[in-house]
Amino acid sequence: MKINNLIWLAGLFEGEGTTGLYSYKRSDGKTWRISTYFLICNNDPIIINEVYKIAEEIGVRMAIFQRHVNHPTWNINYNILCKSMIDVIE
């Protein structure tokens, strides 16, 4: 892992990223759990793929999805999301 990749990712996250909380019901269907998420949005799939590669190198599993907006001049928005950091390399 190159330190430059982590610095680049930190800078990208500063400008394009967000963190937050989400809640969901546990498998018992009665209790709720609150967890965090890490999300970066961008219109350039090359940038999103680079984020995915860096995350993969340090053991962070992320999901990529597209968000289409029904507007004639807006581009497709790509999102890369992480909801679990259990497998992160220390």
Protein backbone atom coordinates (compact mmCIF):
# COMPACT_ATOMS: atom_id res chain seq x y z
CA MET A 1 0.00 0.00 0.00
CA LYS A 2 1.42 3.33 -1.02
CA ILE A 3 0.93 6.19 1.45
CA ASN A 4 0.19 8.45 -1.53
CA ASN A 5 -2.93 6.38 -2.26
CA LEU A 6 -4.21 6.92 1.28
CA ILE A 7 -3.45 10.65 1.09
CA TRP A 8 -5.30 10.87 -2.24
CA LEU A 9 -8.27 8.97 -0.76
CA ALA A 10 -8.36 11.25 2.29
CA GLY A 11 -8.40 14.33 0.05
CA LEU A 12 -11.14 12.88 -2.14
CA PHE A 13 -13.21 12.00 0.89
CA GLU A 14 -12.79 15.54 2.23
CA GLY A 15 -14.33 16.96 -0.94
CA GLU A 16 -16.70 14.25 -2.16
CA GLY A 17 -17.36 12.02 0.84
CA THR A 18 -19.75 11.77 3.71
CA THR A 19 -20.28 9.67 6.79
CA GLY A 20 -23.48 9.12 8.66
CA LEU A 21 -25.65 6.82 10.69
CA TYR A 22 -28.35 4.41 9.62
CA SER A 23 -30.62 2.19 11.64
CA TYR A 24 -32.00 -1.26 10.94
CA LYS A 25 -33.82 -4.02 12.76
CA ARG A 26 -31.76 -6.92 14.00
CA SER A 27 -32.57 -10.45 12.88
CA ASP A 28 -34.85 -10.95 15.89
CA GLY A 29 -37.15 -8.31 14.36
CA LYS A 30 -37.64 -6.54 17.68
CA THR A 31 -34.51 -4.55 18.43
CA TRP A 32 -32.85 -1.84 16.39
CA ARG A 33 -29.18 -1.33 15.67
CA ILE A 34 -27.42 1.89 14.68
CA SER A 35 -24.36 1.68 12.43
CA THR A 36 -22.15 4.04 10.47
CA TYR A 37 -21.53 4.35 6.75
CA PHE A 38 -18.83 5.84 4.52
CA LEU A 39 -19.92 7.13 1.09
CA ILE A 40 -18.22 8.88 -1.83
CA CYS A 41 -20.22 10.26 -4.78
CA ASN A 42 -18.69 11.25 -8.10
CA ASN A 43 -19.59 11.40 -11.81
CA ASP A 44 -16.31 9.82 -12.93
CA PRO A 45 -16.28 5.99 -12.86
CA ILE A 46 -12.46 5.97 -13.07
CA ILE A 47 -12.24 7.78 -9.72
CA ILE A 48 -14.80 5.44 -8.14
CA ASN A 49 -12.87 2.39 -9.40
CA GLU A 50 -9.63 3.80 -7.94
CA VAL A 51 -11.34 4.22 -4.56
CA TYR A 52 -12.50 0.59 -4.80
CA LYS A 53 -8.96 -0.63 -5.54
CA ILE A 54 -7.46 1.27 -2.60
CA ALA A 55 -10.19 0.04 -0.26
CA GLU A 56 -9.68 -3.53 -1.46
CA GLU A 57 -5.93 -3.30 -0.70
CA ILE A 58 -6.61 -2.43 2.95
CA GLY A 59 -9.43 -4.96 3.35
CA VAL A 60 -12.45 -2.64 3.23
CA ARG A 61 -15.40 -4.09 1.35
CA MET A 62 -17.31 -1.49 -0.62
CA ALA A 63 -20.28 -1.56 -2.97
CA ILE A 64 -20.54 0.54 -6.14
CA PHE A 65 -23.88 1.62 -7.52
CA GLN A 66 -25.21 4.13 -10.04
CA ARG A 67 -27.86 6.70 -9.37
CA HIS A 68 -29.73 7.79 -12.48
CA VAL A 69 -31.51 11.12 -12.38
CA ASN A 70 -34.30 11.83 -14.82
CA HIS A 71 -32.87 15.12 -16.06
CA PRO A 72 -31.61 15.81 -19.61
CA THR A 73 -28.37 17.58 -18.67
CA TRP A 74 -27.27 15.78 -15.48
CA ASN A 75 -24.73 12.98 -15.62
CA ILE A 76 -24.98 9.58 -14.01
CA ASN A 77 -23.84 9.73 -10.40
CA TYR A 78 -21.65 6.89 -9.08
CA ASN A 79 -21.64 6.04 -5.39
CA ILE A 80 -19.23 3.83 -3.49
CA LEU A 81 -20.45 2.78 -0.07
CA CYS A 82 -19.04 0.96 2.93
CA LYS A 83 -21.29 -0.10 5.81
CA SER A 84 -18.96 -2.54 7.55
CA MET A 85 -15.28 -2.34 8.40
CA ILE A 86 -14.97 -5.69 10.17
CA ASP A 87 -12.32 -7.01 7.74
CA VAL A 88 -10.08 -3.91 7.75
CA ILE A 89 -6.37 -4.67 7.97
CA GLU A 90 -4.86 -3.14 11.10
